[in-house]
Amino acid sequence: MSSHRSIHRIAIVGTGTIGASWDAQYLARGFDVVATDPGPDAEAKVRKYVDDAWGLLEANGLVADGASRDRLSFTANQSDALAKADFVQENAPEREDFKIKLYAELDDATPEDTIIASSSSGIPMSTIQSQCKRPERCVIGHPFNPPHIVPLVEVVGGTKTSPDAIEQAMAFYAAVGKKPILLHKELRGHVANRLQAALYREVTYLIQQGAL
């Protein structure tokens, strides 16, 4: 990748809890957001989530001047959502086979200089990008729930991700008020989740031992 794309329109792929929260985050920062999800009642659910989140965003001073919930659009047609996207945030189910197939589709449907970021909490990007024609622009952008409130984002590339894509993703997340942390090596579960899991195991052990 050789150029930094100006980001105005963001596509959110998958509008479950994490995807809907990302919708609220990006709308609050003043972007045009197009959401796509094949699920029944997905549009109604994501709009309700954004409406419910907006008051908290306003109360915490997280809504930028000019930001509006009216800048959210929805389509069940994934290709239409991606056709003019400047940045993609993917939030699909955590299944390797599904992610690999999905990313090949995202890669084909998205402008070639658009960053495609995955919210995956555990699957390495090297696996996810394995069937992409342009894997160099694919990165992990793993948030913490809910993304519209919690600022931490773990950023890590796969073996085929370009340094430029990682730099762009880091800069973009910082610009929208996140606290991106660059991971220098791929690990299943990334870093924060592995630390949380270790702490959980220790707490469980202490309870079993009667210490708590």
C-alpha atoms as a PDB file:
ATOM      1  CA  MET A   1       0.000   0.000   0.000  1.00  0.00           C
ATOM      2  CA  SER A   2       1.401   3.347  -0.995  1.00  0.00           C
ATOM      3  CA  SER A   3      -1.237   5.978  -0.219  1.00  0.00           C
ATOM      4  CA  HIS A   4      -3.254   7.002   2.810  1.00  0.00           C
ATOM      5  CA  ARG A   5      -6.949   7.079   1.963  1.00  0.00           C
ATOM      6  CA  SER A   6      -9.036   9.909   3.410  1.00  0.00           C
ATOM      7  CA  ILE A   7     -11.708   8.315   5.573  1.00  0.00           C
ATOM      8  CA  HIS A   8     -15.252   9.654   5.395  1.00  0.00           C
ATOM      9  CA  ARG A   9     -17.448   6.567   4.948  1.00  0.00           C
ATOM     10  CA  ILE A  10     -17.141   3.505   7.188  1.00  0.00           C
ATOM     11  CA  ALA A  11     -18.689   0.114   6.546  1.00  0.00           C
ATOM     12  CA  ILE A  12     -19.612  -2.028   9.546  1.00  0.00           C
ATOM     13  CA  VAL A  13     -19.915  -5.712   8.661  1.00  0.00           C
ATOM     14  CA  GLY A  14     -21.896  -7.572  11.291  1.00  0.00           C
ATOM     15  CA  THR A  15     -24.150  -5.654  13.690  1.00  0.00           C
ATOM     16  CA  GLY A  16     -24.234  -7.761  16.826  1.00  0.00           C
ATOM     17  CA  THR A  17     -23.248  -6.165  20.128  1.00  0.00           C
ATOM     18  CA  ILE A  18     -19.711  -5.250  19.024  1.00  0.00           C
ATOM     19  CA  GLY A  19     -20.682  -4.141  15.530  1.00  0.00           C
ATOM     20  CA  ALA A  20     -23.559  -1.983  16.786  1.00  0.00           C
ATOM     21  CA  SER A  21     -21.255  -0.391  19.347  1.00  0.00           C
ATOM     22  CA  TRP A  22     -18.755   0.429  16.610  1.00  0.00           C
ATOM     23  CA  ASP A  23     -21.637   2.013  14.670  1.00  0.00           C
ATOM     24  CA  ALA A  24     -22.312   4.300  17.623  1.00  0.00           C
ATOM     25  CA  GLN A  25     -18.593   5.104  17.998  1.00  0.00           C
ATOM     26  CA  TYR A  26     -18.073   6.136  14.390  1.00  0.00           C
ATOM     27  CA  LEU A  27     -21.348   8.044  14.133  1.00  0.00           C
ATOM     28  CA  ALA A  28     -20.428   9.971  17.277  1.00  0.00           C
ATOM     29  CA  ARG A  29     -17.139  10.975  15.648  1.00  0.00           C
ATOM     30  CA  GLY A  30     -18.993  12.438  12.665  1.00  0.00           C
ATOM     31  CA  PHE A  31     -18.575   9.755  10.008  1.00  0.00           C
ATOM     32  CA  ASP A  32     -21.051   8.449   7.477  1.00  0.00           C
ATOM     33  CA  VAL A  33     -21.636   4.832   8.470  1.00  0.00           C
ATOM     34  CA  VAL A  34     -23.202   2.041   6.435  1.00  0.00           C
ATOM     35  CA  ALA A  35     -24.011  -1.137   8.341  1.00  0.00           C
ATOM     36  CA  THR A  36     -24.654  -4.538   6.816  1.00  0.00           C
ATOM     37  CA  ASP A  37     -25.879  -7.757   8.371  1.00  0.00           C
ATOM     38  CA  PRO A  38     -28.033 -10.567   6.940  1.00  0.00           C
ATOM     39  CA  GLY A  39     -29.758 -11.279  10.252  1.00  0.00           C
ATOM     40  CA  PRO A  40     -33.508 -10.818  10.734  1.00  0.00           C
ATOM     41  CA  ASP A  41     -34.448  -7.416  12.157  1.00  0.00           C
ATOM     42  CA  ALA A  42     -30.766  -6.416  12.058  1.00  0.00           C
ATOM     43  CA  GLU A  43     -31.511  -2.849  10.997  1.00  0.00           C
ATOM     44  CA  ALA A  44     -34.070  -2.265  13.751  1.00  0.00           C
ATOM     45  CA  LYS A  45     -31.737  -3.748  16.348  1.00  0.00           C
ATOM     46  CA  VAL A  46     -28.712  -1.674  15.366  1.00  0.00           C
ATOM     47  CA  ARG A  47     -30.708   1.558  15.213  1.00  0.00           C
ATOM     48  CA  LYS A  48     -32.114   0.874  18.672  1.00  0.00           C
ATOM     49  CA  TYR A  49     -28.624   0.176  20.013  1.00  0.00           C
ATOM     50  CA  VAL A  50     -27.334   3.470  18.597  1.00  0.00           C
ATOM     51  CA  ASP A  51     -30.308   5.392  19.982  1.00  0.00           C
ATOM     52  CA  ASP A  52     -29.791   3.858  23.426  1.00  0.00           C
ATOM     53  CA  ALA A  53     -26.045   4.584  23.354  1.00  0.00           C
ATOM     54  CA  TRP A  54     -26.309   8.181  22.155  1.00  0.00           C
ATOM     55  CA  GLY A  55     -27.302   9.697  25.491  1.00  0.00           C
ATOM     56  CA  LEU A  56     -24.312   8.149  27.255  1.00  0.00           C
ATOM     57  CA  LEU A  57     -21.996   9.331  24.492  1.00  0.00           C
ATOM     58  CA  GLU A  58     -23.351  12.865  24.822  1.00  0.00           C
ATOM     59  CA  ALA A  59     -23.117  12.786  28.607  1.00  0.00           C
ATOM     60  CA  ASN A  60     -19.443  11.850  28.377  1.00  0.00           C
ATOM     61  CA  GLY A  61     -18.610  14.506  25.776  1.00  0.00           C
ATOM     62  CA  LEU A  62     -17.956  11.908  23.104  1.00  0.00           C
ATOM     63  CA  VAL A  63     -20.187  13.318  20.362  1.00  0.00           C
ATOM     64  CA  ALA A  64     -18.316  15.535  17.899  1.00  0.00           C
ATOM     65  CA  ASP A  65     -19.759  18.694  16.360  1.00  0.00           C
ATOM     66  CA  GLY A  66     -21.798  17.755  13.305  1.00  0.00           C
ATOM     67  CA  ALA A  67     -22.191  14.129  14.365  1.00  0.00           C
ATOM     68  CA  SER A  68     -25.634  12.658  13.810  1.00  0.00           C
ATOM     69  CA  ARG A  69     -27.408   9.336  14.105  1.00  0.00           C
ATOM     70  CA  ASP A  70     -29.052  10.231  10.785  1.00  0.00           C
ATOM     71  CA  ARG A  71     -25.746   9.488   9.064  1.00  0.00           C
ATOM     72  CA  LEU A  72     -26.309   5.768   9.633  1.00  0.00           C
ATOM     73  CA  SER A  73     -27.567   3.783   6.665  1.00  0.00           C
ATOM     74  CA  PHE A  74     -28.255   0.062   6.476  1.00  0.00           C
ATOM     75  CA  THR A  75     -28.274  -2.510   3.708  1.00  0.00           C
ATOM     76  CA  ALA A  76     -28.520  -6.278   3.756  1.00  0.00           C
ATOM     77  CA  ASN A  77     -26.471  -6.289   0.540  1.00  0.00           C
ATOM     78  CA  GLN A  78     -22.862  -6.597   1.697  1.00  0.00           C
ATOM     79  CA  SER A  79     -21.352  -5.626  -1.667  1.00  0.00           C
ATOM     80  CA  ASP A  80     -23.353  -2.399  -1.741  1.00  0.00           C
ATOM     81  CA  ALA A  81     -22.137  -1.514   1.754  1.00  0.00           C
ATOM     82  CA  LEU A  82     -18.505  -2.066   0.793  1.00  0.00           C
ATOM     83  CA  ALA A  83     -18.417  -0.521  -2.671  1.00  0.00           C
ATOM     84  CA  LYS A  84     -17.546   3.001  -1.492  1.00  0.00           C
ATOM     85  CA  ALA A  85     -16.162   2.307   1.971  1.00  0.00           C
ATOM     86  CA  ASP A  86     -13.011   4.122   3.065  1.00  0.00           C
ATOM     87  CA  PHE A  87     -12.559   1.856   6.107  1.00  0.00           C
ATOM     88  CA  VAL A  88     -14.155  -1.469   7.040  1.00  0.00           C
ATOM     89  CA  GLN A  89     -14.713  -2.776  10.564  1.00  0.00           C
ATOM     90  CA  GLU A  90     -15.690  -6.463  10.483  1.00  0.00           C
ATOM     91  CA  ASN A  91     -17.512  -8.107  13.396  1.00  0.00           C
ATOM     92  CA  ALA A  92     -18.538 -11.539  12.148  1.00  0.00           C
ATOM     93  CA  PRO A  93     -18.785 -14.740  14.234  1.00  0.00           C
ATOM     94  CA  GLU A  94     -15.529 -16.173  15.599  1.00  0.00           C
ATOM     95  CA  ARG A  95     -15.240 -19.134  13.242  1.00  0.00           C
ATOM     96  CA  GLU A  96     -12.104 -19.581  11.180  1.00  0.00           C
ATOM     97  CA  ASP A  97     -13.773 -21.075   8.114  1.00  0.00           C
ATOM     98  CA  PHE A  98     -16.396 -18.331   8.108  1.00  0.00           C
ATOM     99  CA  LYS A  99     -13.853 -15.527   8.536  1.00  0.00           C
ATOM    100  CA  ILE A 100     -11.597 -16.836   5.758  1.00  0.00           C
ATOM    101  CA  LYS A 101     -14.467 -17.003   3.277  1.00  0.00           C
ATOM    102  CA  LEU A 102     -15.853 -13.654   4.405  1.00  0.00           C
ATOM    103  CA  TYR A 103     -12.515 -11.878   4.008  1.00  0.00           C
ATOM    104  CA  ALA A 104     -12.117 -13.156   0.476  1.00  0.00           C
ATOM    105  CA  GLU A 105     -15.524 -11.578  -0.240  1.00  0.00           C
ATOM    106  CA  LEU A 106     -14.659  -8.315   1.539  1.00  0.00           C
ATOM    107  CA  ASP A 107     -11.383  -8.137  -0.371  1.00  0.00           C
ATOM    108  CA  ASP A 108     -13.155  -8.513  -3.714  1.00  0.00           C
ATOM    109  CA  ALA A 109     -15.913  -5.991  -2.942  1.00  0.00           C
ATOM    110  CA  THR A 110     -13.907  -3.200  -1.295  1.00  0.00           C
ATOM    111  CA  PRO A 111     -11.811  -0.491  -3.010  1.00  0.00           C
ATOM    112  CA  GLU A 112      -8.239  -1.759  -3.197  1.00  0.00           C
ATOM    113  CA  ASP A 113      -6.739   0.914  -0.927  1.00  0.00           C
ATOM    114  CA  THR A 114      -9.327   0.525   1.858  1.00  0.00           C
ATOM    115  CA  ILE A 115      -8.173  -0.889   5.201  1.00  0.00           C
ATOM    116  CA  ILE A 116     -10.176  -3.935   6.331  1.00  0.00           C
ATOM    117  CA  ALA A 117     -10.021  -4.320  10.108  1.00  0.00           C
ATOM    118  CA  SER A 118     -11.299  -7.302  12.082  1.00  0.00           C
ATOM    119  CA  SER A 119     -12.710  -7.094  15.588  1.00  0.00           C
ATOM    120  CA  SER A 120     -11.715 -10.745  16.048  1.00  0.00           C
ATOM    121  CA  SER A 121     -10.943 -11.490  19.688  1.00  0.00           C
ATOM    122  CA  GLY A 122      -8.775 -14.504  19.028  1.00  0.00           C
ATOM    123  CA  ILE A 123      -8.256 -15.649  15.426  1.00  0.00           C
ATOM    124  CA  PRO A 124      -4.884 -14.545  13.976  1.00  0.00           C
ATOM    125  CA  MET A 125      -4.977 -12.272  10.944  1.00  0.00           C
ATOM    126  CA  SER A 126      -2.618 -14.614   9.074  1.00  0.00           C
ATOM    127  CA  THR A 127      -5.432 -17.163   9.107  1.00  0.00           C
ATOM    128  CA  ILE A 128      -8.191 -14.690   8.261  1.00  0.00           C
ATOM    129  CA  GLN A 129      -6.364 -13.130   5.290  1.00  0.00           C
ATOM    130  CA  SER A 130      -5.155 -16.415   3.802  1.00  0.00           C
ATOM    131  CA  GLN A 131      -7.520 -16.384   0.805  1.00  0.00           C
ATOM    132  CA  CYS A 132      -7.412 -12.640   0.071  1.00  0.00           C
ATOM    133  CA  LYS A 133      -6.025 -11.299  -3.201  1.00  0.00           C
ATOM    134  CA  ARG A 134      -4.878  -8.118  -1.420  1.00  0.00           C
ATOM    135  CA  PRO A 135      -4.072  -9.337   2.103  1.00  0.00           C
ATOM    136  CA  GLU A 136      -1.624  -6.504   2.731  1.00  0.00           C
ATOM    137  CA  ARG A 137      -4.459  -4.144   3.791  1.00  0.00           C
ATOM    138  CA  CYS A 138      -6.030  -6.520   6.359  1.00  0.00           C
ATOM    139  CA  VAL A 139      -5.399  -5.961  10.085  1.00  0.00           C
ATOM    140  CA  ILE A 140      -6.786  -6.898  13.471  1.00  0.00           C
ATOM    141  CA  GLY A 141      -8.464  -3.980  15.248  1.00  0.00           C
ATOM    142  CA  HIS A 142      -9.681  -5.773  18.379  1.00  0.00           C
ATOM    143  CA  PRO A 143     -11.821  -3.557  20.651  1.00  0.00           C
ATOM    144  CA  PHE A 144     -13.128  -4.056  24.161  1.00  0.00           C
ATOM    145  CA  ASN A 145     -16.807  -4.076  24.956  1.00  0.00           C
ATOM    146  CA  PRO A 146     -18.444  -1.686  24.477  1.00  0.00           C
ATOM    147  CA  PRO A 147     -16.210  -0.074  21.806  1.00  0.00           C
ATOM    148  CA  HIS A 148     -18.103   3.218  21.908  1.00  0.00           C
ATOM    149  CA  ILE A 149     -17.041   3.696  25.551  1.00  0.00           C
ATOM    150  CA  VAL A 150     -13.902   1.606  26.183  1.00  0.00           C
ATOM    151  CA  PRO A 151     -10.998   3.177  24.257  1.00  0.00           C
ATOM    152  CA  LEU A 152      -8.548   0.257  24.047  1.00  0.00           C
ATOM    153  CA  VAL A 153      -7.948  -1.321  20.613  1.00  0.00           C
ATOM    154  CA  GLU A 154      -5.319  -3.986  19.953  1.00  0.00           C
ATOM    155  CA  VAL A 155      -3.784  -3.668  16.490  1.00  0.00           C
ATOM    156  CA  VAL A 156      -1.765  -6.445  14.875  1.00  0.00           C
ATOM    157  CA  GLY A 157      -1.171  -7.584  11.323  1.00  0.00           C
ATOM    158  CA  GLY A 158      -0.783 -10.984   9.739  1.00  0.00           C
ATOM    159  CA  THR A 159       2.214 -12.325   7.874  1.00  0.00           C
ATOM    160  CA  LYS A 160       0.982 -10.642   4.680  1.00  0.00           C
ATOM    161  CA  THR A 161      -0.113  -7.319   6.216  1.00  0.00           C
ATOM    162  CA  SER A 162       1.937  -4.324   5.105  1.00  0.00           C
ATOM    163  CA  PRO A 163       3.589  -2.013   7.652  1.00  0.00           C
ATOM    164  CA  ASP A 164       1.773   0.864   5.943  1.00  0.00           C
ATOM    165  CA  ALA A 165      -1.635  -0.691   6.661  1.00  0.00           C
ATOM    166  CA  ILE A 166      -0.746  -1.102  10.321  1.00  0.00           C
ATOM    167  CA  GLU A 167       0.454   2.508  10.469  1.00  0.00           C
ATOM    168  CA  GLN A 168      -2.769   3.718   8.860  1.00  0.00           C
ATOM    169  CA  ALA A 169      -4.940   1.691  11.230  1.00  0.00           C
ATOM    170  CA  MET A 170      -3.045   2.947  14.288  1.00  0.00           C
ATOM    171  CA  ALA A 171      -3.342   6.557  13.117  1.00  0.00           C
ATOM    172  CA  PHE A 172      -7.033   6.210  12.309  1.00  0.00           C
ATOM    173  CA  TYR A 173      -7.996   4.667  15.642  1.00  0.00           C
ATOM    174  CA  ALA A 174      -6.044   7.358  17.501  1.00  0.00           C
ATOM    175  CA  ALA A 175      -7.761  10.062  15.449  1.00  0.00           C
ATOM    176  CA  VAL A 176     -11.230   8.806  16.450  1.00  0.00           C
ATOM    177  CA  GLY A 177     -10.421   8.868  20.152  1.00  0.00           C
ATOM    178  CA  LYS A 178      -9.295   5.284  20.682  1.00  0.00           C
ATOM    179  CA  LYS A 179      -6.140   4.156  22.486  1.00  0.00           C
ATOM    180  CA  PRO A 180      -4.570   1.771  19.973  1.00  0.00           C
ATOM    181  CA  ILE A 181      -1.872  -0.600  21.198  1.00  0.00           C
ATOM    182  CA  LEU A 182       0.420  -2.136  18.601  1.00  0.00           C
ATOM    183  CA  LEU A 183       1.185  -5.811  19.111  1.00  0.00           C
ATOM    184  CA  HIS A 184       4.476  -6.927  17.598  1.00  0.00           C
ATOM    185  CA  LYS A 185       3.533 -10.592  17.314  1.00  0.00           C
ATOM    186  CA  GLU A 186       0.405 -12.586  16.516  1.00  0.00           C
ATOM    187  CA  LEU A 187      -0.979 -14.737  19.323  1.00  0.00           C
ATOM    188  CA  ARG A 188      -4.331 -16.472  19.599  1.00  0.00           C
ATOM    189  CA  GLY A 189      -6.405 -14.304  21.897  1.00  0.00           C
ATOM    190  CA  HIS A 190      -3.977 -11.410  21.329  1.00  0.00           C
ATOM    191  CA  VAL A 191      -2.577  -9.962  24.586  1.00  0.00           C
ATOM    192  CA  ALA A 192      -5.313  -8.439  26.752  1.00  0.00           C
ATOM    193  CA  ASN A 193      -7.611 -11.457  26.481  1.00  0.00           C
ATOM    194  CA  ARG A 194      -4.747 -13.769  27.419  1.00  0.00           C
ATOM    195  CA  LEU A 195      -4.024 -11.655  30.501  1.00  0.00           C
ATOM    196  CA  GLN A 196      -7.707 -11.669  31.423  1.00  0.00           C
ATOM    197  CA  ALA A 197      -7.844 -15.447  31.006  1.00  0.00           C
ATOM    198  CA  ALA A 198      -4.791 -15.920  33.224  1.00  0.00           C
ATOM    199  CA  LEU A 199      -6.313 -13.703  35.916  1.00  0.00           C
ATOM    200  CA  TYR A 200      -9.615 -15.581  35.692  1.00  0.00           C
ATOM    201  CA  ARG A 201      -7.846 -18.922  36.133  1.00  0.00           C
ATOM    202  CA  GLU A 202      -6.025 -17.616  39.195  1.00  0.00           C
ATOM    203  CA  VAL A 203      -9.224 -16.222  40.729  1.00  0.00           C
ATOM    204  CA  THR A 204     -10.939 -19.577  40.134  1.00  0.00           C
ATOM    205  CA  TYR A 205      -8.042 -21.380  41.803  1.00  0.00           C
ATOM    206  CA  LEU A 206      -8.127 -19.051  44.808  1.00  0.00           C
ATOM    207  CA  ILE A 207     -11.848 -19.626  45.245  1.00  0.00           C
ATOM    208  CA  GLN A 208     -11.353 -23.386  45.027  1.00  0.00           C
ATOM    209  CA  GLN A 209      -8.645 -23.127  47.695  1.00  0.00           C
ATOM    210  CA  GLY A 210     -10.947 -21.163  49.972  1.00  0.00           C
ATOM    211  CA  ALA A 211      -8.859 -18.019  49.834  1.00  0.00           C
ATOM    212  CA  LEU A 212     -11.754 -15.917  48.586  1.00  0.00           C
END
